[in-house]
Amino acid sequence: MITSAMSRQLEGLSRISAERRDSSLSCIRMAADEMFGQPGYSAVSVEQLASHAGVTRKTFYKHFSGKPGVGLDWAKRRCSVVFDQWLRLKDGDAGDPAWVKAWIEELLDYYQDNSEIRSLSFLSLEEPAFGDWLHQQILDMIEELGTTIPRFNIPSNAADANLRVGRAVLMFSQLMEQCSRYALGRSRFKREILILLLWERFQA
């Protein structure tokens, strides 16, 4: 028979255990924030993350199945680093070719100069689990851009809605991939050619 005193003791132990789990998760997330910025996602191992967080490998795996899991968790928390720059399209004249070209140039610089962006770029190119999440983010971004940019304002009841959304998703996916490759030094094109190609893709 469990007495009220024993019940209170069990509740207390349960609370302590939950607090410890929350604390260890926070430590792992803080370590990811620090290490995925510098030296970067690709250079960090689970062992290094756990050590930096002050937790054991066993504790790490209680929270995440592996490095891709903590990487995706980090990406979800840091996604504004990427998408705020893309959403600058709302603030300019997306119908002005000169403005769009200048925005693309800024975008490439932003991808190349930001260490967190480079880690996110590596995730987008190398980790399959990142793809589904990124696809949904692009859909959300298109919907938000549609509030101010007519070409992205696609009524769900339009006869060609799926086709138009598909074209927009494909365009942004290709632009993001090329920006990611540029940030990681994997682009097959010189900067001036890449800017022209991305500009033409956006205008299509």
N, C-alpha and C. Protein backbone atom coordinates (compact mmCIF):
# COMPACT_ATOMS: atom_id res chain seq x y z
N MET A 1 0.84 -1.20 0.00
CA MET A 1 0.00 0.00 0.00
C MET A 1 0.88 1.25 0.00
N ILE A 2 0.57 2.18 -0.92
CA ILE A 2 1.36 3.41 -1.01
C ILE A 2 0.74 4.48 -0.14
N THR A 3 1.50 4.93 0.83
CA THR A 3 1.01 5.98 1.73
C THR A 3 1.14 7.33 1.06
N SER A 4 0.51 8.34 1.69
CA SER A 4 0.59 9.69 1.14
C SER A 4 2.03 10.20 1.16
N ALA A 5 2.78 9.81 2.17
CA ALA A 5 4.19 10.23 2.26
C ALA A 5 4.99 9.63 1.12
N MET A 6 4.75 8.33 0.86
CA MET A 6 5.45 7.66 -0.24
C MET A 6 5.05 8.28 -1.58
N SER A 7 3.78 8.63 -1.71
CA SER A 7 3.30 9.24 -2.96
C SER A 7 4.00 10.56 -3.20
N ARG A 8 4.13 11.36 -2.14
CA ARG A 8 4.81 12.65 -2.27
C ARG A 8 6.28 12.45 -2.64
N GLN A 9 6.89 11.42 -2.05
CA GLN A 9 8.29 11.14 -2.35
C GLN A 9 8.47 10.73 -3.81
N LEU A 10 7.56 9.90 -4.32
CA LEU A 10 7.62 9.48 -5.72
C LEU A 10 7.41 10.65 -6.66
N GLU A 11 6.48 11.53 -6.30
CA GLU A 11 6.24 12.72 -7.11
C GLU A 11 7.48 13.61 -7.16
N GLY A 12 8.14 13.71 -5.99
CA GLY A 12 9.35 14.52 -5.92
C GLY A 12 10.46 13.94 -6.78
N LEU A 13 10.64 12.62 -6.74
CA LEU A 13 11.66 11.96 -7.56
C LEU A 13 11.35 12.13 -9.05
N SER A 14 10.08 11.99 -9.38
CA SER A 14 9.67 12.16 -10.78
C SER A 14 9.96 13.57 -11.26
N ARG A 15 9.68 14.56 -10.41
CA ARG A 15 9.93 15.95 -10.77
C ARG A 15 11.43 16.21 -10.97
N ILE A 16 12.24 15.64 -10.06
CA ILE A 16 13.70 15.81 -10.18
C ILE A 16 14.21 15.19 -11.48
N SER A 17 13.67 13.99 -11.79
CA SER A 17 14.07 13.30 -13.02
C SER A 17 13.71 14.13 -14.25
N ALA A 18 12.51 14.71 -14.25
CA ALA A 18 12.07 15.53 -15.38
C ALA A 18 12.93 16.78 -15.50
N GLU A 19 13.28 17.36 -14.36
CA GLU A 19 14.12 18.57 -14.37
C GLU A 19 15.50 18.24 -14.92
N ARG A 20 16.01 17.07 -14.55
CA ARG A 20 17.32 16.66 -15.06
C ARG A 20 17.28 16.44 -16.57
N ARG A 21 16.18 15.82 -17.06
CA ARG A 21 16.04 15.62 -18.51
C ARG A 21 15.98 16.96 -19.23
N ASP A 22 15.19 17.88 -18.68
CA ASP A 22 15.07 19.19 -19.30
C ASP A 22 16.42 19.91 -19.29
N SER A 23 17.14 19.77 -18.18
CA SER A 23 18.43 20.44 -18.05
C SER A 23 19.44 19.87 -19.05
N SER A 24 19.49 18.54 -19.18
CA SER A 24 20.44 17.93 -20.10
C SER A 24 20.10 18.27 -21.55
N LEU A 25 18.79 18.34 -21.87
CA LEU A 25 18.39 18.73 -23.22
C LEU A 25 18.81 20.16 -23.51
N SER A 26 18.63 21.05 -22.53
CA SER A 26 19.04 22.44 -22.71
C SER A 26 20.54 22.54 -22.93
N CYS A 27 21.30 21.74 -22.20
CA CYS A 27 22.77 21.75 -22.35
C CYS A 27 23.19 21.28 -23.74
N ILE A 28 22.53 20.24 -24.24
CA ILE A 28 22.84 19.73 -25.58
C ILE A 28 22.50 20.78 -26.63
N ARG A 29 21.35 21.43 -26.47
CA ARG A 29 20.96 22.47 -27.42
C ARG A 29 21.92 23.65 -27.39
N MET A 30 22.37 24.03 -26.20
CA MET A 30 23.34 25.12 -26.10
C MET A 30 24.65 24.74 -26.78
N ALA A 31 25.06 23.49 -26.59
CA ALA A 31 26.29 23.02 -27.24
C ALA A 31 26.14 23.05 -28.76
N ALA A 32 24.98 22.64 -29.26
CA ALA A 32 24.73 22.68 -30.70
C ALA A 32 24.76 24.11 -31.21
N ASP A 33 24.15 25.03 -30.47
CA ASP A 33 24.15 26.43 -30.87
C ASP A 33 25.57 26.96 -31.01
N GLU A 34 26.42 26.58 -30.06
CA GLU A 34 27.80 27.08 -30.06
C GLU A 34 28.66 26.38 -31.11
N MET A 35 28.51 25.07 -31.25
CA MET A 35 29.44 24.31 -32.08
C MET A 35 29.01 24.25 -33.55
N PHE A 36 27.72 24.32 -33.84
CA PHE A 36 27.29 24.29 -35.23
C PHE A 36 27.55 25.62 -35.91
N GLY A 37 27.71 26.68 -35.10
CA GLY A 37 28.13 27.95 -35.67
C GLY A 37 29.62 27.91 -36.01
N GLN A 38 30.42 27.55 -35.03
CA GLN A 38 31.85 27.33 -35.19
C GLN A 38 32.23 26.14 -34.32
N PRO A 39 32.88 25.13 -34.84
CA PRO A 39 33.47 24.98 -36.17
C PRO A 39 32.52 24.61 -37.30
N GLY A 40 31.27 24.26 -36.97
CA GLY A 40 30.32 23.91 -38.03
C GLY A 40 29.80 22.50 -37.89
N TYR A 41 28.63 22.26 -38.46
CA TYR A 41 27.95 20.97 -38.32
C TYR A 41 28.81 19.80 -38.77
N SER A 42 29.42 19.91 -39.95
CA SER A 42 30.16 18.79 -40.51
C SER A 42 31.40 18.42 -39.70
N ALA A 43 31.91 19.37 -38.91
CA ALA A 43 33.16 19.13 -38.18
C ALA A 43 32.93 18.62 -36.75
N VAL A 44 31.68 18.51 -36.34
CA VAL A 44 31.38 18.16 -34.95
C VAL A 44 30.83 16.74 -34.87
N SER A 45 31.30 15.97 -33.91
CA SER A 45 30.82 14.61 -33.69
C SER A 45 29.88 14.57 -32.49
N VAL A 46 29.15 13.46 -32.37
CA VAL A 46 28.28 13.27 -31.20
C VAL A 46 29.10 13.33 -29.92
N GLU A 47 30.28 12.71 -29.93
CA GLU A 47 31.14 12.71 -28.75
C GLU A 47 31.52 14.13 -28.34
N GLN A 48 31.84 14.95 -29.33
CA GLN A 48 32.23 16.33 -29.03
C GLN A 48 31.04 17.14 -28.51
N LEU A 49 29.88 16.91 -29.11
CA LEU A 49 28.67 17.60 -28.63
C LEU A 49 28.37 17.23 -27.18
N ALA A 50 28.39 15.92 -26.90
CA ALA A 50 28.09 15.46 -25.54
C ALA A 50 29.10 16.02 -24.54
N SER A 51 30.37 15.99 -24.92
CA SER A 51 31.41 16.50 -24.03
C SER A 51 31.23 17.99 -23.77
N HIS A 52 30.94 18.74 -24.82
CA HIS A 52 30.75 20.18 -24.69
C HIS A 52 29.52 20.49 -23.85
N ALA A 53 28.51 19.62 -23.94
CA ALA A 53 27.28 19.82 -23.18
C ALA A 53 27.41 19.35 -21.72
N GLY A 54 28.48 18.59 -21.45
CA GLY A 54 28.67 18.07 -20.10
C GLY A 54 27.76 16.90 -19.78
N VAL A 55 27.40 16.13 -20.82
CA VAL A 55 26.55 14.96 -20.62
C VAL A 55 27.24 13.73 -21.21
N THR A 56 26.75 12.56 -20.84
CA THR A 56 27.30 11.32 -21.38
C THR A 56 26.65 11.02 -22.74
N ARG A 57 27.28 10.11 -23.49
CA ARG A 57 26.68 9.66 -24.74
C ARG A 57 25.30 9.04 -24.49
N LYS A 58 25.19 8.29 -23.39
CA LYS A 58 23.92 7.65 -23.05
C LYS A 58 22.83 8.70 -22.86
N THR A 59 23.17 9.78 -22.18
CA THR A 59 22.19 10.86 -21.97
C THR A 59 21.85 11.53 -23.28
N PHE A 60 22.85 11.74 -24.11
CA PHE A 60 22.61 12.35 -25.43
C PHE A 60 21.58 11.53 -26.20
N TYR A 61 21.77 10.22 -26.23
CA TYR A 61 20.89 9.36 -27.03
C TYR A 61 19.51 9.16 -26.40
N LYS A 62 19.34 9.63 -25.17
CA LYS A 62 17.99 9.66 -24.60
C LYS A 62 17.15 10.75 -25.25
N HIS A 63 17.83 11.76 -25.77
CA HIS A 63 17.14 12.91 -26.37
C HIS A 63 17.11 12.86 -27.89
N PHE A 64 18.19 12.35 -28.49
CA PHE A 64 18.31 12.36 -29.95
C PHE A 64 18.82 11.01 -30.45
N SER A 65 18.36 10.62 -31.62
CA SER A 65 18.77 9.33 -32.19
C SER A 65 20.18 9.38 -32.76
N GLY A 66 20.69 10.59 -32.97
CA GLY A 66 22.02 10.74 -33.53
C GLY A 66 22.27 12.19 -33.91
N LYS A 67 23.36 12.42 -34.61
CA LYS A 67 23.72 13.78 -35.00
C LYS A 67 22.68 14.42 -35.92
N PRO A 68 22.11 13.70 -36.91
CA PRO A 68 21.07 14.33 -37.74
C PRO A 68 19.88 14.81 -36.92
N GLY A 69 19.54 14.09 -35.86
CA GLY A 69 18.41 14.48 -35.03
C GLY A 69 18.65 15.80 -34.32
N VAL A 70 19.82 15.95 -33.72
CA VAL A 70 20.12 17.21 -33.04
C VAL A 70 20.34 18.32 -34.07
N GLY A 71 20.82 17.93 -35.25
CA GLY A 71 20.99 18.92 -36.32
C GLY A 71 19.66 19.48 -36.78
N LEU A 72 18.67 18.61 -36.94
CA LEU A 72 17.35 19.06 -37.36
C LEU A 72 16.69 19.91 -36.27
N ASP A 73 16.86 19.49 -35.02
CA ASP A 73 16.34 20.27 -33.90
C ASP A 73 16.95 21.67 -33.91
N TRP A 74 18.25 21.74 -34.13
CA TRP A 74 18.96 23.03 -34.18
C TRP A 74 18.45 23.86 -35.36
N ALA A 75 18.28 23.22 -36.51
CA ALA A 75 17.82 23.94 -37.70
C ALA A 75 16.44 24.55 -37.49
N LYS A 76 15.56 23.80 -36.84
CA LYS A 76 14.20 24.30 -36.59
C LYS A 76 14.24 25.53 -35.68
N ARG A 77 15.19 25.53 -34.75
CA ARG A 77 15.29 26.68 -33.83
C ARG A 77 16.00 27.86 -34.46
N ARG A 78 16.80 27.61 -35.50
CA ARG A 78 17.59 28.67 -36.11
C ARG A 78 17.11 29.03 -37.50
N CYS A 79 15.95 28.53 -37.91
CA CYS A 79 15.51 28.70 -39.30
C CYS A 79 15.32 30.16 -39.68
N SER A 80 15.03 31.02 -38.69
CA SER A 80 14.83 32.43 -39.03
C SER A 80 16.10 33.05 -39.59
N VAL A 81 17.27 32.48 -39.24
CA VAL A 81 18.54 32.98 -39.77
C VAL A 81 18.53 32.94 -41.29
N VAL A 82 17.89 31.90 -41.84
CA VAL A 82 17.80 31.74 -43.29
C VAL A 82 16.60 32.48 -43.86
N PHE A 83 15.44 32.18 -43.32
CA PHE A 83 14.22 32.61 -43.99
C PHE A 83 13.94 34.10 -43.86
N ASP A 84 14.47 34.75 -42.83
CA ASP A 84 14.30 36.20 -42.74
C ASP A 84 14.92 36.88 -43.96
N GLN A 85 16.05 36.34 -44.41
CA GLN A 85 16.72 36.93 -45.58
C GLN A 85 15.90 36.70 -46.85
N TRP A 86 15.32 35.52 -46.99
CA TRP A 86 14.48 35.24 -48.16
C TRP A 86 13.21 36.09 -48.15
N LEU A 87 12.69 36.32 -46.95
CA LEU A 87 11.45 37.09 -46.85
C LEU A 87 11.66 38.58 -47.07
N ARG A 88 12.90 38.99 -47.24
CA ARG A 88 13.16 40.38 -47.63
C ARG A 88 12.53 40.70 -48.99
N LEU A 89 12.18 39.65 -49.72
CA LEU A 89 11.48 39.85 -50.99
C LEU A 89 10.21 40.67 -50.79
N LYS A 90 9.60 40.53 -49.61
CA LYS A 90 8.36 41.26 -49.35
C LYS A 90 8.60 42.76 -49.25
N ASP A 91 9.82 43.14 -48.85
CA ASP A 91 10.11 44.54 -48.56
C ASP A 91 10.58 45.32 -49.79
N GLY A 92 10.93 44.61 -50.84
CA GLY A 92 11.42 45.29 -52.04
C GLY A 92 10.46 45.16 -53.19
N ASP A 93 10.97 45.44 -54.36
CA ASP A 93 10.15 45.36 -55.58
C ASP A 93 10.56 44.11 -56.34
N ALA A 94 9.86 42.99 -56.03
CA ALA A 94 10.20 41.72 -56.68
C ALA A 94 9.92 41.74 -58.17
N GLY A 95 9.22 42.76 -58.65
CA GLY A 95 8.95 42.89 -60.07
C GLY A 95 10.00 43.71 -60.81
N ASP A 96 10.97 44.25 -60.06
CA ASP A 96 12.04 45.06 -60.64
C ASP A 96 13.27 44.18 -60.82
N PRO A 97 13.64 43.86 -62.06
CA PRO A 97 14.79 42.97 -62.30
C PRO A 97 16.07 43.45 -61.62
N ALA A 98 16.31 44.75 -61.60
CA ALA A 98 17.54 45.28 -60.98
C ALA A 98 17.54 45.03 -59.47
N TRP A 99 16.38 45.22 -58.84
CA TRP A 99 16.28 44.99 -57.39
C TRP A 99 16.49 43.52 -57.08
N VAL A 100 15.88 42.65 -57.88
CA VAL A 100 16.02 41.21 -57.67
C VAL A 100 17.47 40.77 -57.79
N LYS A 101 18.18 41.32 -58.77
CA LYS A 101 19.58 40.97 -58.96
C LYS A 101 20.41 41.40 -57.75
N ALA A 102 20.15 42.61 -57.24
CA ALA A 102 20.88 43.09 -56.07
C ALA A 102 20.56 42.22 -54.85
N TRP A 103 19.30 41.79 -54.74
CA TRP A 103 18.90 40.92 -53.63
C TRP A 103 19.63 39.57 -53.71
N ILE A 104 19.78 39.02 -54.89
CA ILE A 104 20.49 37.75 -55.08
C ILE A 104 21.95 37.90 -54.68
N GLU A 105 22.56 39.02 -55.05
CA GLU A 105 23.96 39.26 -54.67
C GLU A 105 24.10 39.32 -53.15
N GLU A 106 23.19 40.01 -52.49
CA GLU A 106 23.21 40.07 -51.03
C GLU A 106 22.98 38.68 -50.43
N LEU A 107 22.11 37.92 -51.04
CA LEU A 107 21.79 36.58 -50.55
C LEU A 107 23.02 35.68 -50.58
N LEU A 108 23.76 35.72 -51.68
CA LEU A 108 24.97 34.91 -51.79
C LEU A 108 26.01 35.33 -50.76
N ASP A 109 26.16 36.64 -50.56
CA ASP A 109 27.10 37.13 -49.55
C ASP A 109 26.68 36.66 -48.16
N TYR A 110 25.38 36.71 -47.90
CA TYR A 110 24.85 36.32 -46.61
C TYR A 110 25.12 34.84 -46.35
N TYR A 111 24.90 34.02 -47.34
CA TYR A 111 25.15 32.58 -47.21
C TYR A 111 26.64 32.31 -46.98
N GLN A 112 27.48 33.02 -47.68
CA GLN A 112 28.92 32.76 -47.59
C GLN A 112 29.53 33.27 -46.29
N ASP A 113 29.03 34.39 -45.79
CA ASP A 113 29.67 35.05 -44.65
C ASP A 113 29.16 34.57 -43.30
N ASN A 114 28.04 33.84 -43.26
CA ASN A 114 27.43 33.45 -42.00
C ASN A 114 27.73 31.98 -41.71
N SER A 115 28.43 31.72 -40.62
CA SER A 115 28.84 30.34 -40.31
C SER A 115 27.64 29.44 -40.02
N GLU A 116 26.60 30.00 -39.41
CA GLU A 116 25.40 29.19 -39.16
C GLU A 116 24.73 28.80 -40.48
N ILE A 117 24.72 29.72 -41.42
CA ILE A 117 24.13 29.43 -42.72
C ILE A 117 24.90 28.29 -43.39
N ARG A 118 26.21 28.28 -43.25
CA ARG A 118 27.00 27.21 -43.87
C ARG A 118 26.65 25.86 -43.25
N SER A 119 26.42 25.83 -41.94
CA SER A 119 26.00 24.58 -41.29
C SER A 119 24.62 24.15 -41.78
N LEU A 120 23.71 25.11 -41.89
CA LEU A 120 22.38 24.80 -42.40
C LEU A 120 22.45 24.34 -43.84
N SER A 121 23.37 24.93 -44.59
CA SER A 121 23.55 24.53 -45.99
C SER A 121 24.02 23.09 -46.09
N PHE A 122 24.96 22.71 -45.21
CA PHE A 122 25.45 21.33 -45.20
C PHE A 122 24.31 20.38 -44.87
N LEU A 123 23.51 20.73 -43.88
CA LEU A 123 22.36 19.91 -43.51
C LEU A 123 21.42 19.73 -44.70
N SER A 124 21.15 20.82 -45.40
CA SER A 124 20.18 20.75 -46.51
C SER A 124 20.67 19.87 -47.64
N LEU A 125 21.98 19.77 -47.81
CA LEU A 125 22.53 18.98 -48.92
C LEU A 125 22.84 17.53 -48.53
N GLU A 126 23.10 17.29 -47.25
CA GLU A 126 23.64 15.99 -46.85
C GLU A 126 22.71 15.13 -45.99
N GLU A 127 21.76 15.76 -45.29
CA GLU A 127 20.92 14.99 -44.37
C GLU A 127 19.51 14.84 -44.93
N PRO A 128 19.11 13.62 -45.33
CA PRO A 128 17.78 13.40 -45.92
C PRO A 128 16.63 13.86 -45.03
N ALA A 129 16.77 13.71 -43.71
CA ALA A 129 15.69 14.09 -42.80
C ALA A 129 15.37 15.58 -42.88
N PHE A 130 16.34 16.34 -43.33
CA PHE A 130 16.17 17.78 -43.42
C PHE A 130 15.24 18.16 -44.56
N GLY A 131 15.17 17.31 -45.58
CA GLY A 131 14.43 17.63 -46.81
C GLY A 131 12.95 17.86 -46.61
N ASP A 132 12.27 16.95 -45.88
CA ASP A 132 10.83 17.08 -45.67
C ASP A 132 10.50 18.35 -44.90
N TRP A 133 11.30 18.61 -43.87
CA TRP A 133 11.08 19.82 -43.07
C TRP A 133 11.28 21.07 -43.91
N LEU A 134 12.35 21.08 -44.72
CA LEU A 134 12.63 22.25 -45.56
C LEU A 134 11.52 22.48 -46.57
N HIS A 135 10.98 21.39 -47.12
CA HIS A 135 9.89 21.51 -48.09
C HIS A 135 8.70 22.24 -47.47
N GLN A 136 8.36 21.90 -46.24
CA GLN A 136 7.23 22.57 -45.57
C GLN A 136 7.55 24.04 -45.31
N GLN A 137 8.81 24.32 -44.97
CA GLN A 137 9.20 25.72 -44.74
C GLN A 137 9.07 26.54 -46.01
N ILE A 138 9.41 25.94 -47.13
CA ILE A 138 9.29 26.65 -48.41
C ILE A 138 7.82 26.92 -48.72
N LEU A 139 6.96 25.94 -48.47
CA LEU A 139 5.52 26.15 -48.69
C LEU A 139 5.00 27.30 -47.83
N ASP A 140 5.42 27.33 -46.56
CA ASP A 140 4.99 28.41 -45.67
C ASP A 140 5.52 29.76 -46.15
N MET A 141 6.76 29.76 -46.64
CA MET A 141 7.36 31.00 -47.12
C MET A 141 6.62 31.52 -48.35
N ILE A 142 6.27 30.63 -49.26
CA ILE A 142 5.53 31.02 -50.47
C ILE A 142 4.19 31.64 -50.08
N GLU A 143 3.53 31.03 -49.11
CA GLU A 143 2.25 31.57 -48.66
C GLU A 143 2.41 32.98 -48.08
N GLU A 144 3.48 33.18 -47.31
CA GLU A 144 3.71 34.51 -46.72
C GLU A 144 4.08 35.53 -47.79
N LEU A 145 4.91 35.14 -48.74
CA LEU A 145 5.28 36.05 -49.83
C LEU A 145 4.06 36.43 -50.66
N GLY A 146 3.11 35.51 -50.73
CA GLY A 146 1.91 35.76 -51.51
C GLY A 146 1.05 36.90 -50.98
N THR A 147 1.31 37.31 -49.73
CA THR A 147 0.53 38.41 -49.17
C THR A 147 0.89 39.74 -49.81
N THR A 148 2.08 39.83 -50.42
CA THR A 148 2.51 41.09 -51.03
C THR A 148 2.98 40.95 -52.48
N ILE A 149 3.29 39.73 -52.91
CA ILE A 149 3.81 39.52 -54.27
C ILE A 149 2.78 38.72 -55.07
N PRO A 150 2.15 39.33 -56.06
CA PRO A 150 1.06 38.67 -56.80
C PRO A 150 1.40 37.30 -57.36
N ARG A 151 2.62 37.11 -57.86
CA ARG A 151 2.94 35.83 -58.50
C ARG A 151 2.93 34.67 -57.51
N PHE A 152 3.04 34.97 -56.22
CA PHE A 152 3.01 33.92 -55.20
C PHE A 152 1.67 33.85 -54.47
N ASN A 153 0.75 34.69 -54.88
CA ASN A 153 -0.60 34.65 -54.31
C ASN A 153 -1.41 33.63 -55.10
N ILE A 154 -1.44 32.40 -54.61
CA ILE A 154 -2.04 31.30 -55.36
C ILE A 154 -3.26 30.79 -54.61
N PRO A 155 -4.47 31.16 -55.04
CA PRO A 155 -5.68 30.69 -54.36
C PRO A 155 -5.75 29.16 -54.41
N SER A 156 -6.11 28.56 -53.28
CA SER A 156 -6.15 27.10 -53.20
C SER A 156 -7.21 26.50 -54.12
N ASN A 157 -8.21 27.32 -54.48
CA ASN A 157 -9.29 26.80 -55.34
C ASN A 157 -9.04 27.06 -56.82
N ALA A 158 -7.87 27.62 -57.14
CA ALA A 158 -7.54 27.86 -58.55
C ALA A 158 -7.36 26.53 -59.27
N ALA A 159 -7.77 26.48 -60.53
CA ALA A 159 -7.72 25.23 -61.29
C ALA A 159 -6.29 24.71 -61.41
N ASP A 160 -5.33 25.62 -61.51
CA ASP A 160 -3.93 25.21 -61.68
C ASP A 160 -3.12 25.46 -60.40
N ALA A 161 -3.78 25.47 -59.25
CA ALA A 161 -3.10 25.79 -57.99
C ALA A 161 -1.92 24.86 -57.72
N ASN A 162 -2.13 23.55 -57.85
CA ASN A 162 -1.06 22.59 -57.57
C ASN A 162 0.14 22.80 -58.48
N LEU A 163 -0.12 23.09 -59.74
CA LEU A 163 0.96 23.32 -60.69
C LEU A 163 1.73 24.58 -60.35
N ARG A 164 1.02 25.65 -60.01
CA ARG A 164 1.67 26.92 -59.69
C ARG A 164 2.49 26.82 -58.40
N VAL A 165 1.92 26.14 -57.40
CA VAL A 165 2.66 25.94 -56.16
C VAL A 165 3.89 25.08 -56.42
N GLY A 166 3.73 24.04 -57.24
CA GLY A 166 4.86 23.17 -57.58
C GLY A 166 5.98 23.93 -58.26
N ARG A 167 5.63 24.83 -59.17
CA ARG A 167 6.64 25.63 -59.84
C ARG A 167 7.38 26.53 -58.86
N ALA A 168 6.62 27.16 -57.94
CA ALA A 168 7.24 28.04 -56.95
C ALA A 168 8.16 27.26 -56.02
N VAL A 169 7.71 26.09 -55.56
CA VAL A 169 8.53 25.25 -54.69
C VAL A 169 9.81 24.83 -55.40
N LEU A 170 9.68 24.41 -56.66
CA LEU A 170 10.85 23.99 -57.43
C LEU A 170 11.83 25.14 -57.59
N MET A 171 11.31 26.33 -57.88
CA MET A 171 12.19 27.48 -58.07
C MET A 171 12.96 27.79 -56.79
N PHE A 172 12.26 27.88 -55.65
CA PHE A 172 12.94 28.21 -54.40
C PHE A 172 13.87 27.09 -53.96
N SER A 173 13.49 25.84 -54.20
CA SER A 173 14.37 24.72 -53.85
C SER A 173 15.68 24.81 -54.63
N GLN A 174 15.58 25.12 -55.92
CA GLN A 174 16.78 25.24 -56.74
C GLN A 174 17.64 26.43 -56.33
N LEU A 175 16.98 27.55 -56.03
CA LEU A 175 17.73 28.73 -55.59
C LEU A 175 18.46 28.45 -54.29
N MET A 176 17.77 27.80 -53.34
CA MET A 176 18.39 27.50 -52.05
C MET A 176 19.54 26.52 -52.20
N GLU A 177 19.36 25.53 -53.05
CA GLU A 177 20.44 24.56 -53.25
C GLU A 177 21.68 25.23 -53.82
N GLN A 178 21.50 26.10 -54.80
CA GLN A 178 22.64 26.77 -55.40
C GLN A 178 23.31 27.73 -54.42
N CYS A 179 22.52 28.41 -53.59
CA CYS A 179 23.09 29.28 -52.57
C CYS A 179 23.88 28.45 -51.56
N SER A 180 23.35 27.28 -51.19
CA SER A 180 24.03 26.40 -50.25
C SER A 180 25.35 25.89 -50.83
N ARG A 181 25.32 25.50 -52.09
CA ARG A 181 26.56 25.03 -52.74
C ARG A 181 27.59 26.15 -52.80
N TYR A 182 27.13 27.35 -53.06
CA TYR A 182 28.04 28.49 -53.11
C TYR A 182 28.67 28.73 -51.74
N ALA A 183 27.85 28.67 -50.68
CA ALA A 183 28.34 28.91 -49.32
C ALA A 183 29.40 27.89 -48.92
N LEU A 184 29.26 26.65 -49.41
CA LEU A 184 30.18 25.57 -49.04
C LEU A 184 31.34 25.42 -50.02
N GLY A 185 31.40 26.32 -51.01
CA GLY A 185 32.48 26.24 -52.00
C GLY A 185 32.30 25.11 -52.99
N ARG A 186 31.04 24.67 -53.20
CA ARG A 186 30.77 23.55 -54.10
C ARG A 186 30.11 23.99 -55.41
N SER A 187 29.93 25.26 -55.59
CA SER A 187 29.27 25.72 -56.81
C SER A 187 30.14 25.44 -58.02
N ARG A 188 29.50 25.05 -59.11
CA ARG A 188 30.23 24.79 -60.35
C ARG A 188 30.33 26.04 -61.22
N PHE A 189 29.80 27.15 -60.71
CA PHE A 189 29.77 28.37 -61.50
C PHE A 189 30.52 29.49 -60.80
N LYS A 190 31.14 30.34 -61.58
CA LYS A 190 31.72 31.54 -61.02
C LYS A 190 30.60 32.45 -60.53
N ARG A 191 30.93 33.31 -59.60
CA ARG A 191 29.91 34.12 -58.93
C ARG A 191 29.05 34.91 -59.93
N GLU A 192 29.67 35.59 -60.88
CA GLU A 192 28.90 36.43 -61.79
C GLU A 192 27.95 35.61 -62.66
N ILE A 193 28.39 34.39 -63.04
CA ILE A 193 27.53 33.51 -63.82
C ILE A 193 26.39 32.99 -62.96
N LEU A 194 26.72 32.62 -61.71
CA LEU A 194 25.70 32.10 -60.80
C LEU A 194 24.62 33.15 -60.54
N ILE A 195 25.02 34.39 -60.33
CA ILE A 195 24.05 35.46 -60.11
C ILE A 195 23.11 35.58 -61.30
N LEU A 196 23.67 35.54 -62.49
CA LEU A 196 22.85 35.64 -63.69
C LEU A 196 21.88 34.46 -63.81
N LEU A 197 22.38 33.25 -63.52
CA LEU A 197 21.54 32.05 -63.61
C LEU A 197 20.39 32.09 -62.60
N LEU A 198 20.71 32.51 -61.37
CA LEU A 198 19.68 32.59 -60.35
C LEU A 198 18.66 33.69 -60.68
N TRP A 199 19.16 34.78 -61.20
CA TRP A 199 18.27 35.89 -61.60
C TRP A 199 17.32 35.43 -62.69
N GLU A 200 17.86 34.72 -63.69
CA GLU A 200 17.02 34.22 -64.78
C GLU A 200 16.00 33.21 -64.26
N ARG A 201 16.43 32.38 -63.29
CA ARG A 201 15.51 31.37 -62.74
C ARG A 201 14.37 32.04 -62.00
N PHE A 202 14.69 33.11 -61.28
CA PHE A 202 13.65 33.81 -60.55
C PHE A 202 12.67 34.51 -61.47
N GLN A 203 13.16 34.98 -62.60
CA GLN A 203 12.31 35.70 -63.54
C GLN A 203 11.41 34.77 -64.35
N ALA A 204 11.78 33.50 -64.43
CA ALA A 204 11.05 32.56 -65.28
C ALA A 204 9.61 32.36 -64.82
